[in-house]
N, C-alpha and C. Protein backbone atom coordinates (compact mmCIF):
# COMPACT_ATOMS: atom_id res chain seq x y z
N MET A 1 3.92 -4.69 35.65
CA MET A 1 2.80 -5.60 35.53
C MET A 1 1.58 -4.80 35.08
N ASN A 2 0.87 -5.34 34.12
CA ASN A 2 -0.31 -4.68 33.60
C ASN A 2 -1.49 -4.94 34.52
N SER A 3 -2.20 -3.88 34.91
CA SER A 3 -3.30 -4.03 35.86
C SER A 3 -4.66 -4.18 35.18
N LEU A 4 -4.72 -4.13 33.85
CA LEU A 4 -5.98 -4.30 33.15
C LEU A 4 -6.43 -5.75 33.22
N PRO A 5 -7.74 -5.98 33.29
CA PRO A 5 -8.22 -7.37 33.23
C PRO A 5 -7.80 -8.00 31.90
N LEU A 6 -7.65 -9.31 31.88
CA LEU A 6 -7.16 -10.02 30.70
C LEU A 6 -7.94 -9.68 29.44
N LYS A 7 -9.27 -9.66 29.50
CA LYS A 7 -10.07 -9.37 28.32
C LYS A 7 -9.76 -7.97 27.78
N GLU A 8 -9.59 -7.00 28.65
CA GLU A 8 -9.27 -5.64 28.23
C GLU A 8 -7.86 -5.59 27.63
N ASN A 9 -6.93 -6.26 28.25
CA ASN A 9 -5.55 -6.26 27.81
C ASN A 9 -5.40 -6.89 26.41
N LEU A 10 -6.17 -7.92 26.13
CA LEU A 10 -6.06 -8.62 24.85
C LEU A 10 -6.72 -7.88 23.69
N LYS A 11 -7.51 -6.87 23.96
CA LYS A 11 -8.18 -6.11 22.90
C LYS A 11 -7.20 -5.44 21.95
N LYS A 12 -6.00 -5.16 22.42
CA LYS A 12 -5.03 -4.49 21.54
C LYS A 12 -4.65 -5.36 20.35
N TYR A 13 -4.83 -6.68 20.43
CA TYR A 13 -4.51 -7.58 19.33
C TYR A 13 -5.68 -7.77 18.37
N VAL A 14 -6.87 -7.41 18.80
CA VAL A 14 -8.07 -7.60 17.99
C VAL A 14 -8.18 -6.52 16.92
N ARG A 15 -7.75 -5.32 17.22
CA ARG A 15 -7.85 -4.21 16.27
C ARG A 15 -6.77 -4.37 15.20
N ILE A 16 -7.14 -5.00 14.11
CA ILE A 16 -6.18 -5.39 13.07
C ILE A 16 -5.38 -4.19 12.55
N ASP A 17 -6.02 -3.09 12.27
CA ASP A 17 -5.32 -1.92 11.71
C ASP A 17 -4.38 -1.26 12.70
N ASP A 18 -4.62 -1.45 14.01
CA ASP A 18 -3.82 -0.80 15.04
C ASP A 18 -2.83 -1.75 15.72
N CYS A 19 -2.76 -2.97 15.26
CA CYS A 19 -1.92 -3.97 15.93
C CYS A 19 -0.47 -3.84 15.48
N PRO A 20 0.45 -3.45 16.38
CA PRO A 20 1.85 -3.28 15.98
C PRO A 20 2.53 -4.59 15.56
N ILE A 21 2.07 -5.70 16.08
CA ILE A 21 2.68 -6.98 15.69
C ILE A 21 2.35 -7.27 14.23
N ARG A 22 1.09 -7.14 13.86
CA ARG A 22 0.69 -7.40 12.47
C ARG A 22 1.25 -6.37 11.50
N ASN A 23 1.29 -5.14 11.90
CA ASN A 23 1.58 -4.06 10.96
C ASN A 23 3.02 -3.57 10.95
N VAL A 24 3.80 -3.92 11.95
CA VAL A 24 5.20 -3.48 11.97
C VAL A 24 6.13 -4.66 12.18
N VAL A 25 6.03 -5.32 13.28
CA VAL A 25 6.97 -6.38 13.65
C VAL A 25 6.97 -7.52 12.63
N ALA A 26 5.81 -7.89 12.12
CA ALA A 26 5.74 -9.01 11.17
C ALA A 26 6.52 -8.73 9.89
N ARG A 27 6.75 -7.49 9.57
CA ARG A 27 7.45 -7.15 8.33
C ARG A 27 8.93 -7.53 8.35
N PHE A 28 9.54 -7.59 9.52
CA PHE A 28 10.97 -7.91 9.58
C PHE A 28 11.28 -9.08 10.51
N SER A 29 10.26 -9.70 11.07
CA SER A 29 10.53 -10.74 12.06
C SER A 29 10.69 -12.13 11.45
N GLY A 30 10.47 -12.26 10.17
CA GLY A 30 10.65 -13.56 9.53
C GLY A 30 12.11 -13.98 9.49
N LYS A 31 12.31 -15.24 9.28
CA LYS A 31 13.65 -15.84 9.25
C LYS A 31 14.59 -15.09 8.30
N TRP A 32 14.16 -14.82 7.09
CA TRP A 32 15.06 -14.24 6.09
C TRP A 32 15.25 -12.74 6.27
N ALA A 33 14.20 -12.01 6.56
CA ALA A 33 14.32 -10.55 6.67
C ALA A 33 15.31 -10.15 7.75
N MET A 34 15.22 -10.79 8.89
CA MET A 34 16.11 -10.44 9.98
C MET A 34 17.56 -10.80 9.64
N LEU A 35 17.77 -11.93 8.97
CA LEU A 35 19.13 -12.31 8.56
C LEU A 35 19.68 -11.30 7.55
N VAL A 36 18.86 -10.90 6.59
CA VAL A 36 19.30 -9.91 5.59
C VAL A 36 19.66 -8.60 6.27
N LEU A 37 18.84 -8.16 7.21
CA LEU A 37 19.15 -6.92 7.93
C LEU A 37 20.47 -7.04 8.68
N CYS A 38 20.73 -8.20 9.27
CA CYS A 38 22.00 -8.42 9.98
C CYS A 38 23.18 -8.37 9.02
N VAL A 39 23.05 -9.00 7.86
CA VAL A 39 24.13 -8.96 6.87
C VAL A 39 24.38 -7.53 6.42
N LEU A 40 23.32 -6.80 6.13
CA LEU A 40 23.48 -5.41 5.67
C LEU A 40 24.06 -4.52 6.75
N SER A 41 23.85 -4.87 8.00
CA SER A 41 24.36 -4.03 9.10
C SER A 41 25.89 -4.09 9.18
N GLU A 42 26.49 -5.08 8.57
CA GLU A 42 27.93 -5.26 8.68
C GLU A 42 28.74 -4.49 7.65
N ASN A 43 28.08 -3.84 6.68
CA ASN A 43 28.76 -3.07 5.65
C ASN A 43 27.95 -1.82 5.33
N ASP A 44 28.64 -0.84 4.75
CA ASP A 44 27.91 0.35 4.32
C ASP A 44 26.96 0.02 3.18
N SER A 45 27.41 -0.82 2.25
CA SER A 45 26.55 -1.28 1.16
C SER A 45 27.02 -2.67 0.75
N THR A 46 26.06 -3.45 0.26
CA THR A 46 26.34 -4.85 -0.04
C THR A 46 25.63 -5.24 -1.33
N ARG A 47 26.34 -5.97 -2.18
CA ARG A 47 25.74 -6.45 -3.42
C ARG A 47 24.94 -7.72 -3.18
N PHE A 48 24.01 -7.97 -4.08
CA PHE A 48 23.11 -9.11 -3.98
C PHE A 48 23.87 -10.42 -3.78
N ASN A 49 24.89 -10.68 -4.59
CA ASN A 49 25.63 -11.94 -4.50
C ASN A 49 26.35 -12.10 -3.16
N ALA A 50 26.81 -10.99 -2.60
CA ALA A 50 27.46 -11.06 -1.28
C ALA A 50 26.45 -11.43 -0.20
N ILE A 51 25.25 -10.91 -0.31
CA ILE A 51 24.20 -11.28 0.64
C ILE A 51 23.88 -12.76 0.48
N ALA A 52 23.75 -13.20 -0.76
CA ALA A 52 23.45 -14.61 -1.03
C ALA A 52 24.55 -15.53 -0.50
N ARG A 53 25.80 -15.13 -0.61
CA ARG A 53 26.90 -15.94 -0.07
C ARG A 53 26.86 -15.99 1.46
N ALA A 54 26.46 -14.88 2.07
CA ALA A 54 26.40 -14.83 3.53
C ALA A 54 25.25 -15.67 4.08
N ILE A 55 24.21 -15.86 3.27
CA ILE A 55 23.05 -16.66 3.67
C ILE A 55 22.86 -17.75 2.60
N PRO A 56 23.68 -18.78 2.60
CA PRO A 56 23.69 -19.74 1.49
C PRO A 56 22.42 -20.56 1.34
N ASP A 57 21.58 -20.65 2.36
CA ASP A 57 20.38 -21.47 2.24
C ASP A 57 19.14 -20.69 1.79
N ILE A 58 19.31 -19.43 1.38
CA ILE A 58 18.20 -18.66 0.83
C ILE A 58 18.27 -18.74 -0.69
N SER A 59 17.13 -18.97 -1.32
CA SER A 59 17.11 -19.04 -2.78
C SER A 59 17.18 -17.62 -3.35
N PRO A 60 17.68 -17.47 -4.58
CA PRO A 60 17.72 -16.13 -5.19
C PRO A 60 16.34 -15.49 -5.27
N LYS A 61 15.32 -16.28 -5.55
CA LYS A 61 13.96 -15.74 -5.63
C LYS A 61 13.50 -15.19 -4.28
N VAL A 62 13.73 -15.93 -3.23
CA VAL A 62 13.31 -15.50 -1.89
C VAL A 62 14.13 -14.30 -1.43
N LEU A 63 15.42 -14.29 -1.75
CA LEU A 63 16.26 -13.14 -1.41
C LEU A 63 15.76 -11.89 -2.13
N THR A 64 15.46 -12.02 -3.40
CA THR A 64 14.94 -10.88 -4.17
C THR A 64 13.65 -10.36 -3.56
N GLU A 65 12.74 -11.27 -3.24
CA GLU A 65 11.46 -10.89 -2.64
C GLU A 65 11.66 -10.23 -1.27
N THR A 66 12.57 -10.78 -0.47
CA THR A 66 12.85 -10.22 0.85
C THR A 66 13.41 -8.81 0.73
N LEU A 67 14.36 -8.62 -0.17
CA LEU A 67 14.95 -7.29 -0.36
C LEU A 67 13.89 -6.30 -0.86
N LYS A 68 13.04 -6.71 -1.78
CA LYS A 68 11.98 -5.83 -2.27
C LYS A 68 11.04 -5.41 -1.14
N ASN A 69 10.67 -6.37 -0.30
CA ASN A 69 9.78 -6.05 0.82
C ASN A 69 10.44 -5.12 1.82
N LEU A 70 11.71 -5.36 2.12
CA LEU A 70 12.43 -4.48 3.05
C LEU A 70 12.60 -3.08 2.47
N GLU A 71 12.78 -3.01 1.15
CA GLU A 71 12.88 -1.70 0.49
C GLU A 71 11.52 -0.99 0.52
N LYS A 72 10.45 -1.73 0.25
CA LYS A 72 9.10 -1.16 0.28
C LYS A 72 8.78 -0.61 1.67
N ASP A 73 9.27 -1.30 2.70
CA ASP A 73 9.03 -0.87 4.08
C ASP A 73 10.03 0.18 4.56
N THR A 74 10.86 0.66 3.67
CA THR A 74 11.88 1.70 3.89
C THR A 74 12.92 1.33 4.95
N LEU A 75 13.19 0.03 5.09
CA LEU A 75 14.27 -0.41 5.98
C LEU A 75 15.57 -0.58 5.21
N VAL A 76 15.45 -0.79 3.90
CA VAL A 76 16.61 -1.02 3.03
C VAL A 76 16.53 -0.09 1.84
N ARG A 77 17.69 0.36 1.40
CA ARG A 77 17.81 1.22 0.23
C ARG A 77 18.49 0.41 -0.88
N ARG A 78 17.94 0.49 -2.07
CA ARG A 78 18.51 -0.15 -3.25
C ARG A 78 19.07 0.93 -4.16
N GLU A 79 20.34 0.81 -4.51
CA GLU A 79 20.97 1.82 -5.37
C GLU A 79 21.48 1.14 -6.63
N LEU A 80 21.00 1.64 -7.77
CA LEU A 80 21.40 1.12 -9.07
C LEU A 80 22.43 2.06 -9.67
N PHE A 81 23.58 1.50 -10.05
CA PHE A 81 24.65 2.28 -10.67
C PHE A 81 24.61 2.07 -12.17
N ALA A 82 24.62 3.15 -12.92
CA ALA A 82 24.55 3.08 -14.38
C ALA A 82 25.91 2.69 -14.94
N GLU A 83 26.21 1.41 -14.87
CA GLU A 83 27.47 0.88 -15.38
C GLU A 83 27.14 -0.30 -16.28
N VAL A 84 28.13 -0.76 -17.00
CA VAL A 84 27.97 -1.95 -17.81
C VAL A 84 28.93 -3.00 -17.30
N PRO A 85 28.47 -4.11 -16.75
CA PRO A 85 27.06 -4.41 -16.46
C PRO A 85 26.56 -3.57 -15.28
N PRO A 86 25.22 -3.43 -15.18
CA PRO A 86 24.66 -2.63 -14.07
C PRO A 86 25.06 -3.22 -12.72
N ARG A 87 25.29 -2.33 -11.79
CA ARG A 87 25.67 -2.74 -10.43
C ARG A 87 24.58 -2.25 -9.48
N VAL A 88 24.14 -3.14 -8.59
CA VAL A 88 23.11 -2.80 -7.61
C VAL A 88 23.68 -3.08 -6.23
N GLU A 89 23.51 -2.13 -5.33
CA GLU A 89 23.96 -2.31 -3.96
C GLU A 89 22.81 -2.00 -3.01
N TYR A 90 22.81 -2.71 -1.89
CA TYR A 90 21.78 -2.55 -0.87
C TYR A 90 22.43 -2.04 0.41
N SER A 91 21.70 -1.20 1.11
CA SER A 91 22.18 -0.68 2.40
C SER A 91 20.98 -0.41 3.29
N LEU A 92 21.26 -0.26 4.57
CA LEU A 92 20.20 0.07 5.51
C LEU A 92 19.88 1.55 5.44
N THR A 93 18.62 1.87 5.58
CA THR A 93 18.20 3.27 5.70
C THR A 93 18.38 3.68 7.17
N ASP A 94 18.14 4.94 7.45
CA ASP A 94 18.18 5.39 8.84
C ASP A 94 17.18 4.61 9.69
N LEU A 95 16.00 4.36 9.13
CA LEU A 95 14.99 3.59 9.85
C LEU A 95 15.49 2.17 10.10
N GLY A 96 16.12 1.57 9.10
CA GLY A 96 16.68 0.23 9.26
C GLY A 96 17.77 0.19 10.32
N ARG A 97 18.63 1.20 10.32
CA ARG A 97 19.68 1.27 11.34
C ARG A 97 19.10 1.48 12.74
N SER A 98 17.99 2.20 12.82
CA SER A 98 17.38 2.42 14.14
C SER A 98 16.79 1.13 14.71
N LEU A 99 16.54 0.15 13.86
CA LEU A 99 16.02 -1.14 14.31
C LEU A 99 17.12 -2.06 14.85
N LEU A 100 18.35 -1.83 14.44
CA LEU A 100 19.46 -2.74 14.79
C LEU A 100 19.66 -2.98 16.28
N PRO A 101 19.64 -1.96 17.14
CA PRO A 101 19.84 -2.25 18.57
C PRO A 101 18.80 -3.23 19.12
N HIS A 102 17.59 -3.19 18.59
CA HIS A 102 16.54 -4.09 19.06
C HIS A 102 16.77 -5.51 18.54
N ILE A 103 17.20 -5.61 17.29
CA ILE A 103 17.55 -6.92 16.74
C ILE A 103 18.75 -7.50 17.49
N GLU A 104 19.73 -6.66 17.77
CA GLU A 104 20.92 -7.13 18.50
C GLU A 104 20.55 -7.65 19.89
N SER A 105 19.60 -7.00 20.56
CA SER A 105 19.14 -7.49 21.86
C SER A 105 18.49 -8.86 21.72
N LEU A 106 17.67 -9.02 20.70
CA LEU A 106 17.02 -10.30 20.46
C LEU A 106 18.06 -11.38 20.12
N LEU A 107 19.05 -11.03 19.31
CA LEU A 107 20.10 -11.99 18.96
C LEU A 107 20.90 -12.40 20.19
N LYS A 108 21.18 -11.46 21.07
CA LYS A 108 21.90 -11.80 22.30
C LYS A 108 21.08 -12.77 23.13
N TRP A 109 19.78 -12.48 23.26
CA TRP A 109 18.90 -13.39 23.99
C TRP A 109 18.89 -14.77 23.34
N ALA A 110 18.84 -14.81 22.01
CA ALA A 110 18.83 -16.10 21.30
C ALA A 110 20.12 -16.87 21.55
N MET A 111 21.25 -16.19 21.53
CA MET A 111 22.53 -16.87 21.78
C MET A 111 22.61 -17.36 23.22
N ASP A 112 22.14 -16.55 24.16
CA ASP A 112 22.16 -16.95 25.57
C ASP A 112 21.25 -18.14 25.85
N ASN A 113 20.21 -18.30 25.05
CA ASN A 113 19.21 -19.34 25.31
C ASN A 113 19.13 -20.41 24.22
N PHE A 114 20.11 -20.44 23.34
CA PHE A 114 20.09 -21.35 22.20
C PHE A 114 19.94 -22.80 22.62
N GLU A 115 20.64 -23.19 23.66
CA GLU A 115 20.61 -24.60 24.11
C GLU A 115 19.20 -25.03 24.55
N ALA A 116 18.44 -24.12 25.09
CA ALA A 116 17.08 -24.45 25.52
C ALA A 116 16.18 -24.81 24.33
N PHE A 117 16.53 -24.35 23.16
CA PHE A 117 15.71 -24.60 21.96
C PHE A 117 16.31 -25.67 21.04
N SER A 118 17.51 -26.11 21.30
CA SER A 118 18.19 -27.05 20.38
C SER A 118 18.05 -28.48 20.86
N HIS A 119 16.83 -28.95 20.88
CA HIS A 119 16.58 -30.34 21.28
C HIS A 119 15.81 -31.07 20.23
């Protein structure tokens, strides 16, 4: 239990540059980013179309944007193979893999409590 008064405790959210929710968690906590990370966690590397098949309700544009953002945040690695036609594969970086146990805990909680939210 935090012993700081409420006003003091809430100050951590006011400092925009130092707020971990705004600057770290928000980058992967969206609906699509977390799903993409889960799909990538199941294989060493995955092609774009395989990710799209695993998440059929994501548009190609949104998937592309999500992968670019995850790559920019160094959670995902994009590898281009010089073949004809070109082949691109995505995989988790070490940083992305280090996030998985935390996502898995959240997913377990979501599965355990799904009925409470499905009304």
